[in-house]
């Protein structure tokens, strides 16, 4: 619980009573390596904070080699099929733990209670949503403005630990190229 407290303390000061109410709504879950914990057409009912592990967001295809990886979430970040969570409609993509992953989750209804009951809930919700939007916007801009090689170099400048935990086929999909093209880029650099 200390990790999420430290993370939220960077956003705002939380009173002890608000904090206690908030953590009373959290559930710790351990997701096994490679397990899919949000599936296509399921309604996402949780927003979760990653205590440890790596999560992949992807669009499944009949041929697993054609899956489209469009996001990763890491320790000390929030993860969710957020559009499904907000609208309470079925998800168009899946979430998969790439390593054994420990998360602290809050349900949609419990988060609504936090918003209504605490002084800080709405601020934390808004600031978290803003951070998720900025990550998405940055990714889209990178896809539109950078070459595949520039995207690869930028990704590993910002997150060098990725090579150790994420298979190259997911990385190539994430930066929008084939595994063969990624192999060629890696040989050049």
N, C-alpha and C. Protein backbone atom coordinates (compact mmCIF):
# COMPACT_ATOMS: atom_id res chain seq x y z
N UNK A 1 0.81 -1.20 0.00
CA UNK A 1 0.00 0.00 0.00
C UNK A 1 0.86 1.27 0.00
N UNK A 2 2.11 1.14 0.46
CA UNK A 2 2.97 2.32 0.51
C UNK A 2 3.27 2.87 -0.89
N UNK A 3 3.42 1.98 -1.88
CA UNK A 3 3.73 2.44 -3.24
C UNK A 3 2.63 3.33 -3.78
N UNK A 4 1.39 2.92 -3.62
CA UNK A 4 0.30 3.72 -4.15
C UNK A 4 0.16 5.02 -3.35
N UNK A 5 0.43 4.96 -2.05
CA UNK A 5 0.39 6.17 -1.22
C UNK A 5 1.45 7.15 -1.70
N UNK A 6 2.67 6.66 -1.93
CA UNK A 6 3.75 7.53 -2.42
C UNK A 6 3.37 8.15 -3.77
N UNK A 7 2.79 7.34 -4.64
CA UNK A 7 2.39 7.81 -5.97
C UNK A 7 1.33 8.91 -5.84
N UNK A 8 0.31 8.67 -5.03
CA UNK A 8 -0.77 9.64 -4.89
C UNK A 8 -0.32 10.89 -4.14
N UNK A 9 0.63 10.74 -3.22
CA UNK A 9 1.16 11.91 -2.50
C UNK A 9 1.87 12.88 -3.45
N UNK A 10 2.37 12.36 -4.58
CA UNK A 10 2.99 13.24 -5.57
C UNK A 10 1.94 14.08 -6.29
N UNK A 11 0.70 13.62 -6.28
CA UNK A 11 -0.39 14.32 -6.96
C UNK A 11 -1.05 15.34 -6.04
N UNK A 12 -1.31 14.93 -4.80
CA UNK A 12 -2.03 15.80 -3.87
C UNK A 12 -1.83 15.31 -2.44
N UNK A 13 -2.13 16.18 -1.49
CA UNK A 13 -2.08 15.80 -0.08
C UNK A 13 -3.42 15.16 0.29
N UNK A 14 -3.34 13.98 0.89
CA UNK A 14 -4.54 13.22 1.21
C UNK A 14 -4.68 13.14 2.73
N UNK A 15 -5.86 13.49 3.23
CA UNK A 15 -6.08 13.40 4.68
C UNK A 15 -6.08 11.93 5.09
N UNK A 16 -5.82 11.69 6.37
CA UNK A 16 -5.79 10.32 6.88
C UNK A 16 -7.14 9.63 6.70
N UNK A 17 -8.23 10.34 6.95
CA UNK A 17 -9.56 9.71 6.81
C UNK A 17 -9.86 9.38 5.35
N UNK A 18 -9.50 10.27 4.41
CA UNK A 18 -9.70 9.98 2.99
C UNK A 18 -8.86 8.78 2.57
N UNK A 19 -7.62 8.74 3.05
CA UNK A 19 -6.72 7.64 2.71
C UNK A 19 -7.28 6.31 3.22
N UNK A 20 -7.71 6.28 4.45
CA UNK A 20 -8.24 5.05 5.03
C UNK A 20 -9.50 4.58 4.29
N UNK A 21 -10.36 5.53 3.90
CA UNK A 21 -11.54 5.15 3.14
C UNK A 21 -11.13 4.57 1.79
N UNK A 22 -10.19 5.23 1.12
CA UNK A 22 -9.73 4.78 -0.19
C UNK A 22 -9.13 3.37 -0.11
N UNK A 23 -8.20 3.14 0.82
CA UNK A 23 -7.54 1.83 0.85
C UNK A 23 -8.50 0.72 1.30
N UNK A 24 -9.57 1.09 2.00
CA UNK A 24 -10.56 0.06 2.38
C UNK A 24 -11.26 -0.50 1.15
N UNK A 25 -11.19 0.21 0.04
CA UNK A 25 -11.84 -0.21 -1.21
C UNK A 25 -10.90 -0.99 -2.13
N UNK A 26 -9.61 -1.00 -1.83
CA UNK A 26 -8.63 -1.66 -2.69
C UNK A 26 -8.55 -3.16 -2.43
N UNK A 27 -8.34 -3.90 -3.49
CA UNK A 27 -8.16 -5.35 -3.39
C UNK A 27 -6.83 -5.70 -4.07
N UNK A 28 -5.97 -6.41 -3.37
CA UNK A 28 -4.70 -6.85 -3.97
C UNK A 28 -4.97 -8.13 -4.75
N UNK A 29 -4.48 -8.13 -6.00
CA UNK A 29 -4.62 -9.32 -6.85
C UNK A 29 -3.26 -9.66 -7.43
N UNK A 30 -2.97 -10.95 -7.53
CA UNK A 30 -1.75 -11.42 -8.18
C UNK A 30 -2.17 -12.11 -9.47
N UNK A 31 -1.64 -11.60 -10.58
CA UNK A 31 -1.96 -12.14 -11.89
C UNK A 31 -0.76 -12.96 -12.36
N UNK A 32 -1.02 -14.20 -12.75
CA UNK A 32 0.06 -15.08 -13.20
C UNK A 32 0.64 -14.59 -14.53
N UNK A 33 1.91 -14.92 -14.72
CA UNK A 33 2.59 -14.57 -15.96
C UNK A 33 1.81 -15.13 -17.16
N UNK A 34 1.62 -14.31 -18.18
CA UNK A 34 0.92 -14.60 -19.43
C UNK A 34 -0.60 -14.65 -19.30
N UNK A 35 -1.13 -14.46 -18.08
CA UNK A 35 -2.59 -14.52 -17.90
C UNK A 35 -3.25 -13.26 -18.49
N UNK A 36 -4.36 -13.48 -19.16
CA UNK A 36 -5.17 -12.37 -19.67
C UNK A 36 -6.22 -12.09 -18.61
N UNK A 37 -6.25 -10.86 -18.10
CA UNK A 37 -7.17 -10.57 -17.01
C UNK A 37 -8.27 -9.58 -17.38
N UNK A 38 -8.24 -9.05 -18.57
CA UNK A 38 -9.39 -8.37 -19.17
C UNK A 38 -9.45 -8.87 -20.60
N UNK A 39 -10.61 -9.38 -21.00
CA UNK A 39 -10.77 -9.95 -22.34
C UNK A 39 -11.66 -9.06 -23.20
N UNK A 40 -11.52 -9.25 -24.52
CA UNK A 40 -12.39 -8.57 -25.47
C UNK A 40 -13.85 -8.89 -25.12
N UNK A 41 -14.69 -7.91 -25.22
CA UNK A 41 -16.14 -8.00 -24.98
C UNK A 41 -16.51 -8.13 -23.50
N UNK A 42 -15.53 -8.08 -22.61
CA UNK A 42 -15.83 -8.00 -21.18
C UNK A 42 -15.86 -6.52 -20.79
N UNK A 43 -16.69 -6.20 -19.81
CA UNK A 43 -16.70 -4.84 -19.29
C UNK A 43 -15.62 -4.74 -18.21
N UNK A 44 -14.73 -3.78 -18.38
CA UNK A 44 -13.67 -3.55 -17.39
C UNK A 44 -14.31 -2.96 -16.14
N UNK A 45 -14.16 -3.65 -15.02
CA UNK A 45 -14.77 -3.19 -13.78
C UNK A 45 -13.75 -2.69 -12.77
N UNK A 46 -12.47 -2.61 -13.17
CA UNK A 46 -11.42 -2.19 -12.24
C UNK A 46 -10.48 -1.18 -12.88
N UNK A 47 -9.97 -0.32 -12.04
CA UNK A 47 -8.77 0.41 -12.38
C UNK A 47 -7.76 -0.05 -11.34
N UNK A 48 -6.54 -0.32 -11.79
CA UNK A 48 -5.57 -0.97 -10.91
C UNK A 48 -4.25 -0.22 -10.92
N UNK A 49 -3.56 -0.32 -9.80
CA UNK A 49 -2.23 0.24 -9.63
C UNK A 49 -1.26 -0.92 -9.59
N UNK A 50 -0.23 -0.87 -10.41
CA UNK A 50 0.72 -1.98 -10.49
C UNK A 50 1.78 -1.84 -9.40
N UNK A 51 1.79 -2.79 -8.47
CA UNK A 51 2.84 -2.83 -7.44
C UNK A 51 4.11 -3.45 -7.99
N UNK A 52 3.95 -4.48 -8.83
CA UNK A 52 5.10 -5.11 -9.48
C UNK A 52 4.60 -5.79 -10.74
N UNK A 53 5.48 -5.85 -11.75
CA UNK A 53 5.13 -6.55 -12.97
C UNK A 53 4.97 -5.63 -14.17
N UNK A 54 4.61 -6.27 -15.30
CA UNK A 54 4.43 -5.57 -16.57
C UNK A 54 3.15 -6.08 -17.22
N UNK A 55 2.34 -5.15 -17.74
CA UNK A 55 1.07 -5.48 -18.39
C UNK A 55 1.12 -4.99 -19.83
N UNK A 56 0.58 -5.81 -20.72
CA UNK A 56 0.48 -5.48 -22.14
C UNK A 56 -0.99 -5.24 -22.48
N UNK A 57 -1.26 -4.19 -23.26
CA UNK A 57 -2.59 -3.90 -23.79
C UNK A 57 -2.54 -4.24 -25.27
N UNK A 58 -3.49 -5.08 -25.74
CA UNK A 58 -3.40 -5.52 -27.13
C UNK A 58 -4.75 -5.89 -27.71
N UNK A 59 -4.79 -5.84 -29.04
CA UNK A 59 -5.97 -6.26 -29.79
C UNK A 59 -5.67 -7.66 -30.32
N UNK A 60 -6.41 -8.67 -29.88
CA UNK A 60 -6.13 -10.03 -30.32
C UNK A 60 -6.59 -10.25 -31.77
N UNK A 61 -5.94 -11.19 -32.42
CA UNK A 61 -6.30 -11.60 -33.78
C UNK A 61 -6.34 -13.12 -33.82
N UNK A 62 -7.00 -13.68 -34.84
CA UNK A 62 -7.04 -15.14 -34.99
C UNK A 62 -5.63 -15.71 -35.07
N UNK A 63 -4.76 -15.02 -35.78
CA UNK A 63 -3.35 -15.40 -35.87
C UNK A 63 -2.58 -14.60 -34.82
N UNK A 64 -2.06 -15.26 -33.78
CA UNK A 64 -1.36 -14.53 -32.72
C UNK A 64 -0.21 -13.64 -33.22
N UNK A 65 0.38 -13.98 -34.37
CA UNK A 65 1.45 -13.15 -34.92
C UNK A 65 0.94 -11.81 -35.42
N UNK A 66 -0.36 -11.68 -35.58
CA UNK A 66 -0.96 -10.45 -36.10
C UNK A 66 -1.56 -9.57 -34.99
N UNK A 67 -1.44 -10.00 -33.73
CA UNK A 67 -1.96 -9.19 -32.62
C UNK A 67 -1.31 -7.80 -32.66
N UNK A 68 -2.08 -6.81 -32.21
CA UNK A 68 -1.59 -5.44 -32.21
C UNK A 68 -1.39 -5.00 -30.76
N UNK A 69 -0.14 -4.87 -30.36
CA UNK A 69 0.20 -4.36 -29.03
C UNK A 69 0.24 -2.85 -29.12
N UNK A 70 -0.54 -2.19 -28.27
CA UNK A 70 -0.54 -0.73 -28.34
C UNK A 70 -0.20 -0.06 -27.02
N UNK A 71 0.12 -0.85 -26.01
CA UNK A 71 0.52 -0.22 -24.75
C UNK A 71 1.13 -1.20 -23.78
N UNK A 72 1.95 -0.65 -22.89
CA UNK A 72 2.53 -1.38 -21.77
C UNK A 72 2.34 -0.54 -20.52
N UNK A 73 2.14 -1.19 -19.40
CA UNK A 73 2.09 -0.50 -18.12
C UNK A 73 3.03 -1.22 -17.17
N UNK A 74 3.66 -0.43 -16.30
CA UNK A 74 4.72 -0.92 -15.44
C UNK A 74 4.46 -0.60 -13.98
N UNK A 75 5.37 -1.07 -13.14
CA UNK A 75 5.34 -0.80 -11.71
C UNK A 75 5.10 0.69 -11.46
N UNK A 76 4.25 0.99 -10.48
CA UNK A 76 3.93 2.36 -10.08
C UNK A 76 3.12 3.12 -11.13
N UNK A 77 2.39 2.39 -11.99
CA UNK A 77 1.49 3.03 -12.94
C UNK A 77 0.10 2.43 -12.78
N UNK A 78 -0.89 3.19 -13.21
CA UNK A 78 -2.26 2.67 -13.24
C UNK A 78 -2.48 1.96 -14.56
N UNK A 79 -3.34 0.94 -14.53
CA UNK A 79 -3.67 0.19 -15.75
C UNK A 79 -5.15 -0.17 -15.72
N UNK A 80 -5.74 -0.15 -16.90
CA UNK A 80 -7.15 -0.49 -17.04
C UNK A 80 -7.47 -0.48 -18.52
N UNK A 81 -8.52 -1.19 -18.90
CA UNK A 81 -9.13 -0.95 -20.22
C UNK A 81 -10.00 0.27 -19.95
N UNK A 82 -9.36 1.42 -19.91
CA UNK A 82 -9.92 2.62 -19.30
C UNK A 82 -11.18 3.12 -19.99
N UNK A 83 -11.23 3.02 -21.32
CA UNK A 83 -12.45 3.46 -22.01
C UNK A 83 -13.63 2.56 -21.62
N UNK A 84 -13.41 1.27 -21.51
CA UNK A 84 -14.46 0.35 -21.07
C UNK A 84 -14.84 0.65 -19.63
N UNK A 85 -13.86 0.92 -18.79
CA UNK A 85 -14.10 1.24 -17.38
C UNK A 85 -14.98 2.49 -17.26
N UNK A 86 -14.63 3.54 -17.99
CA UNK A 86 -15.37 4.80 -17.89
C UNK A 86 -16.80 4.68 -18.39
N UNK A 87 -16.98 3.97 -19.50
CA UNK A 87 -18.30 3.89 -20.14
C UNK A 87 -19.10 2.67 -19.69
N UNK A 88 -18.42 1.74 -18.99
CA UNK A 88 -19.04 0.48 -18.57
C UNK A 88 -19.65 -0.25 -19.75
N UNK A 89 -18.89 -0.25 -20.87
CA UNK A 89 -19.25 -0.99 -22.08
C UNK A 89 -18.15 -2.00 -22.37
N UNK A 90 -18.41 -3.02 -23.21
CA UNK A 90 -17.41 -4.05 -23.47
C UNK A 90 -16.11 -3.50 -24.06
N UNK A 91 -15.02 -4.11 -23.63
CA UNK A 91 -13.69 -3.72 -24.08
C UNK A 91 -13.44 -4.23 -25.50
N UNK A 92 -12.69 -3.45 -26.27
CA UNK A 92 -12.30 -3.85 -27.63
C UNK A 92 -10.91 -4.46 -27.64
N UNK A 93 -10.29 -4.57 -26.46
CA UNK A 93 -8.93 -5.10 -26.37
C UNK A 93 -8.74 -5.85 -25.06
N UNK A 94 -7.55 -6.41 -24.89
CA UNK A 94 -7.27 -7.26 -23.74
C UNK A 94 -6.08 -6.73 -22.96
N UNK A 95 -6.01 -7.14 -21.69
CA UNK A 95 -4.87 -6.85 -20.82
C UNK A 95 -4.25 -8.17 -20.41
N UNK A 96 -2.93 -8.25 -20.54
CA UNK A 96 -2.21 -9.48 -20.23
C UNK A 96 -1.00 -9.17 -19.36
N UNK A 97 -0.81 -9.96 -18.32
CA UNK A 97 0.39 -9.84 -17.49
C UNK A 97 1.54 -10.52 -18.22
N UNK A 98 2.60 -9.77 -18.50
CA UNK A 98 3.78 -10.36 -19.17
C UNK A 98 4.71 -11.02 -18.17
N UNK A 99 4.62 -10.60 -16.93
CA UNK A 99 5.36 -11.21 -15.83
C UNK A 99 4.33 -11.44 -14.72
N UNK A 100 4.70 -12.19 -13.69
CA UNK A 100 3.79 -12.23 -12.56
C UNK A 100 3.60 -10.79 -12.09
N UNK A 101 2.36 -10.40 -11.93
CA UNK A 101 2.04 -9.00 -11.68
C UNK A 101 1.14 -8.87 -10.46
N UNK A 102 1.50 -7.98 -9.56
CA UNK A 102 0.69 -7.70 -8.38
C UNK A 102 0.07 -6.32 -8.55
N UNK A 103 -1.26 -6.28 -8.43
CA UNK A 103 -1.98 -5.03 -8.62
C UNK A 103 -2.91 -4.75 -7.43
N UNK A 104 -3.16 -3.48 -7.20
CA UNK A 104 -4.18 -3.04 -6.25
C UNK A 104 -5.32 -2.51 -7.08
N UNK A 105 -6.50 -3.12 -6.95
CA UNK A 105 -7.64 -2.78 -7.81
C UNK A 105 -8.77 -2.17 -7.01
N UNK A 106 -9.48 -1.26 -7.69
CA UNK A 106 -10.70 -0.70 -7.13
C UNK A 106 -11.78 -0.85 -8.20
N UNK A 107 -12.97 -1.25 -7.76
CA UNK A 107 -14.06 -1.44 -8.72
C UNK A 107 -14.64 -0.08 -9.12
N UNK A 108 -15.38 -0.11 -10.20
CA UNK A 108 -16.04 1.09 -10.70
C UNK A 108 -16.95 1.69 -9.62
N UNK A 109 -17.79 0.85 -9.01
CA UNK A 109 -18.72 1.35 -7.99
C UNK A 109 -18.01 1.87 -6.76
N UNK A 110 -16.95 1.18 -6.34
CA UNK A 110 -16.19 1.66 -5.18
C UNK A 110 -15.49 2.98 -5.49
N UNK A 111 -15.01 3.16 -6.71
CA UNK A 111 -14.37 4.42 -7.07
C UNK A 111 -15.41 5.55 -7.05
N UNK A 112 -16.62 5.26 -7.50
CA UNK A 112 -17.67 6.28 -7.44
C UNK A 112 -17.93 6.68 -5.98
N UNK A 113 -17.89 5.70 -5.06
CA UNK A 113 -18.04 6.00 -3.63
C UNK A 113 -16.90 6.88 -3.13
N UNK A 114 -15.69 6.59 -3.58
CA UNK A 114 -14.54 7.42 -3.18
C UNK A 114 -14.74 8.85 -3.68
N UNK A 115 -15.21 9.00 -4.91
CA UNK A 115 -15.47 10.34 -5.45
C UNK A 115 -16.49 11.09 -4.60
N UNK A 116 -17.56 10.38 -4.19
CA UNK A 116 -18.65 11.03 -3.45
C UNK A 116 -18.29 11.31 -1.99
N UNK A 117 -17.47 10.42 -1.41
CA UNK A 117 -17.26 10.44 0.04
C UNK A 117 -16.04 11.25 0.48
N UNK A 118 -15.02 11.30 -0.35
CA UNK A 118 -13.78 11.94 0.08
C UNK A 118 -13.61 13.31 -0.55
N UNK A 119 -12.81 14.13 0.09
CA UNK A 119 -12.52 15.46 -0.45
C UNK A 119 -11.54 15.38 -1.62
N UNK A 120 -10.70 14.39 -1.61
CA UNK A 120 -9.61 14.33 -2.59
C UNK A 120 -9.93 13.42 -3.78
N UNK A 121 -10.97 12.61 -3.70
CA UNK A 121 -11.26 11.62 -4.73
C UNK A 121 -11.36 12.17 -6.13
N UNK A 122 -12.14 13.24 -6.33
CA UNK A 122 -12.30 13.80 -7.66
C UNK A 122 -11.00 14.34 -8.22
N UNK A 123 -10.19 14.96 -7.38
CA UNK A 123 -8.91 15.49 -7.84
C UNK A 123 -7.99 14.37 -8.29
N UNK A 124 -7.90 13.31 -7.51
CA UNK A 124 -7.05 12.18 -7.88
C UNK A 124 -7.56 11.55 -9.18
N UNK A 125 -8.88 11.38 -9.30
CA UNK A 125 -9.45 10.82 -10.52
C UNK A 125 -9.14 11.66 -11.73
N UNK A 126 -9.30 12.96 -11.61
CA UNK A 126 -9.04 13.85 -12.74
C UNK A 126 -7.56 13.84 -13.12
N UNK A 127 -6.69 13.95 -12.14
CA UNK A 127 -5.26 13.98 -12.44
C UNK A 127 -4.76 12.66 -13.01
N UNK A 128 -5.30 11.54 -12.53
CA UNK A 128 -4.94 10.23 -13.08
C UNK A 128 -5.41 10.13 -14.52
N UNK A 129 -6.63 10.57 -14.79
CA UNK A 129 -7.16 10.55 -16.16
C UNK A 129 -6.31 11.44 -17.07
N UNK A 130 -5.88 12.58 -16.56
CA UNK A 130 -5.04 13.47 -17.36
C UNK A 130 -3.71 12.81 -17.70
N UNK A 131 -3.12 12.13 -16.74
CA UNK A 131 -1.84 11.44 -17.00
C UNK A 131 -2.01 10.33 -18.03
N UNK A 132 -3.10 9.56 -17.94
CA UNK A 132 -3.36 8.51 -18.92
C UNK A 132 -3.55 9.12 -20.31
N UNK A 133 -4.26 10.24 -20.39
CA UNK A 133 -4.45 10.92 -21.68
C UNK A 133 -3.11 11.38 -22.26
N UNK A 134 -2.26 11.96 -21.43
CA UNK A 134 -0.97 12.46 -21.92
C UNK A 134 -0.10 11.32 -22.46
N UNK A 135 -0.12 10.17 -21.79
CA UNK A 135 0.63 9.01 -22.29
C UNK A 135 0.11 8.58 -23.66
N UNK A 136 -1.20 8.54 -23.80
CA UNK A 136 -1.82 8.15 -25.07
C UNK A 136 -1.50 9.17 -26.16
N UNK A 137 -1.59 10.42 -25.84
CA UNK A 137 -1.31 11.48 -26.81
C UNK A 137 0.15 11.42 -27.28
N UNK A 138 1.05 11.22 -26.34
CA UNK A 138 2.49 11.12 -26.66
C UNK A 138 2.74 9.96 -27.61
N UNK A 139 2.13 8.82 -27.33
CA UNK A 139 2.30 7.65 -28.20
C UNK A 139 1.79 7.94 -29.61
N UNK A 140 0.62 8.53 -29.72
CA UNK A 140 0.07 8.85 -31.03
C UNK A 140 0.97 9.81 -31.80
N UNK A 141 1.49 10.81 -31.12
CA UNK A 141 2.38 11.77 -31.77
C UNK A 141 3.66 11.09 -32.24
N UNK A 142 4.19 10.19 -31.43
CA UNK A 142 5.39 9.44 -31.83
C UNK A 142 5.13 8.61 -33.09
N UNK A 143 3.96 7.95 -33.14
CA UNK A 143 3.63 7.14 -34.31
C UNK A 143 3.51 8.00 -35.57
N UNK A 144 3.02 9.21 -35.42
CA UNK A 144 2.82 10.09 -36.57
C UNK A 144 4.07 10.85 -36.98
N UNK A 145 4.95 11.15 -36.03
CA UNK A 145 6.07 12.06 -36.31
C UNK A 145 7.44 11.40 -36.39
N UNK A 146 7.59 10.21 -35.85
CA UNK A 146 8.91 9.58 -35.80
C UNK A 146 8.97 8.37 -36.74
N UNK A 147 10.18 8.09 -37.22
CA UNK A 147 10.38 6.88 -38.00
C UNK A 147 10.37 5.69 -37.05
N UNK A 148 10.26 4.49 -37.59
CA UNK A 148 10.28 3.28 -36.76
C UNK A 148 11.57 3.21 -35.96
N UNK A 149 12.70 3.54 -36.60
CA UNK A 149 13.97 3.50 -35.88
C UNK A 149 13.99 4.53 -34.76
N UNK A 150 13.48 5.73 -35.00
CA UNK A 150 13.42 6.75 -33.95
C UNK A 150 12.51 6.31 -32.81
N UNK A 151 11.39 5.67 -33.13
CA UNK A 151 10.48 5.18 -32.08
C UNK A 151 11.17 4.12 -31.23
N UNK A 152 11.91 3.21 -31.89
CA UNK A 152 12.63 2.16 -31.17
C UNK A 152 13.67 2.78 -30.24
N UNK A 153 14.48 3.69 -30.75
CA UNK A 153 15.53 4.32 -29.94
C UNK A 153 14.94 5.12 -28.78
N UNK A 154 13.87 5.82 -29.03
CA UNK A 154 13.22 6.62 -27.99
C UNK A 154 12.64 5.71 -26.90
N UNK A 155 12.02 4.63 -27.31
CA UNK A 155 11.44 3.69 -26.35
C UNK A 155 12.51 3.17 -25.39
N UNK A 156 13.65 2.80 -25.92
CA UNK A 156 14.67 2.21 -25.06
C UNK A 156 15.54 3.22 -24.36
N UNK A 157 15.51 4.44 -24.81
CA UNK A 157 16.16 5.51 -24.04
C UNK A 157 15.32 5.78 -22.80
N UNK A 158 13.99 5.80 -23.00
CA UNK A 158 13.08 6.08 -21.89
C UNK A 158 12.85 4.88 -20.98
N UNK A 159 12.83 3.66 -21.54
CA UNK A 159 12.52 2.45 -20.77
C UNK A 159 13.48 1.32 -21.13
N UNK A 160 14.78 1.43 -20.78
CA UNK A 160 15.75 0.40 -21.19
C UNK A 160 15.47 -0.99 -20.63
N UNK A 161 14.71 -1.07 -19.55
CA UNK A 161 14.40 -2.37 -18.94
C UNK A 161 13.46 -3.21 -19.80
N UNK A 162 12.85 -2.59 -20.80
CA UNK A 162 11.92 -3.32 -21.65
C UNK A 162 12.54 -4.54 -22.31
N UNK A 163 13.78 -4.40 -22.78
CA UNK A 163 14.42 -5.52 -23.47
C UNK A 163 14.47 -6.77 -22.62
N UNK A 164 14.54 -6.60 -21.31
CA UNK A 164 14.68 -7.74 -20.42
C UNK A 164 13.36 -8.49 -20.21
N UNK A 165 12.23 -7.78 -20.32
CA UNK A 165 10.97 -8.41 -19.92
C UNK A 165 9.92 -8.53 -21.02
N UNK A 166 10.10 -7.83 -22.13
CA UNK A 166 9.07 -7.83 -23.17
C UNK A 166 9.60 -8.50 -24.43
N UNK A 167 8.92 -9.54 -24.90
CA UNK A 167 9.35 -10.20 -26.13
C UNK A 167 9.38 -9.21 -27.31
N UNK A 168 10.36 -9.40 -28.19
CA UNK A 168 10.54 -8.49 -29.32
C UNK A 168 9.32 -8.42 -30.23
N UNK A 169 8.57 -9.52 -30.33
CA UNK A 169 7.38 -9.48 -31.20
C UNK A 169 6.36 -8.47 -30.69
N UNK A 170 6.28 -8.27 -29.37
CA UNK A 170 5.36 -7.28 -28.81
C UNK A 170 5.91 -5.87 -29.02
N UNK A 171 7.22 -5.74 -28.89
CA UNK A 171 7.85 -4.43 -29.10
C UNK A 171 7.69 -3.98 -30.55
N UNK A 172 7.91 -4.90 -31.49
CA UNK A 172 7.76 -4.53 -32.90
C UNK A 172 6.33 -4.10 -33.19
N UNK A 173 5.36 -4.82 -32.66
CA UNK A 173 3.95 -4.45 -32.85
C UNK A 173 3.68 -3.08 -32.23
N UNK A 174 4.23 -2.84 -31.06
CA UNK A 174 4.01 -1.57 -30.35
C UNK A 174 4.54 -0.38 -31.14
N UNK A 175 5.69 -0.54 -31.78
CA UNK A 175 6.24 0.59 -32.55
C UNK A 175 5.75 0.59 -33.99
N UNK A 176 4.89 -0.38 -34.34
CA UNK A 176 4.20 -0.36 -35.61
C UNK A 176 4.96 -0.94 -36.78
N UNK A 177 5.81 -1.95 -36.51
CA UNK A 177 6.57 -2.58 -37.59
C UNK A 177 6.56 -4.10 -37.41
N UNK A 178 7.05 -4.79 -38.42
CA UNK A 178 7.14 -6.25 -38.33
C UNK A 178 8.34 -6.64 -37.48
N UNK A 179 8.35 -7.88 -37.03
CA UNK A 179 9.47 -8.39 -36.26
C UNK A 179 10.75 -8.38 -37.10
N UNK A 180 10.62 -8.65 -38.40
CA UNK A 180 11.78 -8.65 -39.30
C UNK A 180 12.35 -7.23 -39.42
N UNK A 181 11.49 -6.23 -39.54
CA UNK A 181 11.96 -4.84 -39.63
C UNK A 181 12.66 -4.44 -38.33
N UNK A 182 12.14 -4.87 -37.20
CA UNK A 182 12.78 -4.57 -35.93
C UNK A 182 14.15 -5.22 -35.87
N UNK A 183 14.26 -6.44 -36.34
CA UNK A 183 15.54 -7.13 -36.36
C UNK A 183 16.57 -6.34 -37.18
N UNK A 184 16.15 -5.82 -38.33
CA UNK A 184 17.05 -5.02 -39.16
C UNK A 184 17.48 -3.74 -38.44
N UNK A 185 16.54 -3.08 -37.78
CA UNK A 185 16.85 -1.86 -37.03
C UNK A 185 17.86 -2.17 -35.92
N UNK A 186 17.63 -3.26 -35.21
CA UNK A 186 18.53 -3.62 -34.11
C UNK A 186 19.94 -3.91 -34.61
N UNK A 187 20.05 -4.51 -35.79
CA UNK A 187 21.38 -4.77 -36.36
C UNK A 187 22.08 -3.46 -36.70
N UNK A 188 21.32 -2.47 -37.21
CA UNK A 188 21.90 -1.16 -37.56
C UNK A 188 22.37 -0.39 -36.35
N UNK A 189 21.60 -0.47 -35.28
CA UNK A 189 21.95 0.33 -34.10
C UNK A 189 22.67 -0.54 -33.09
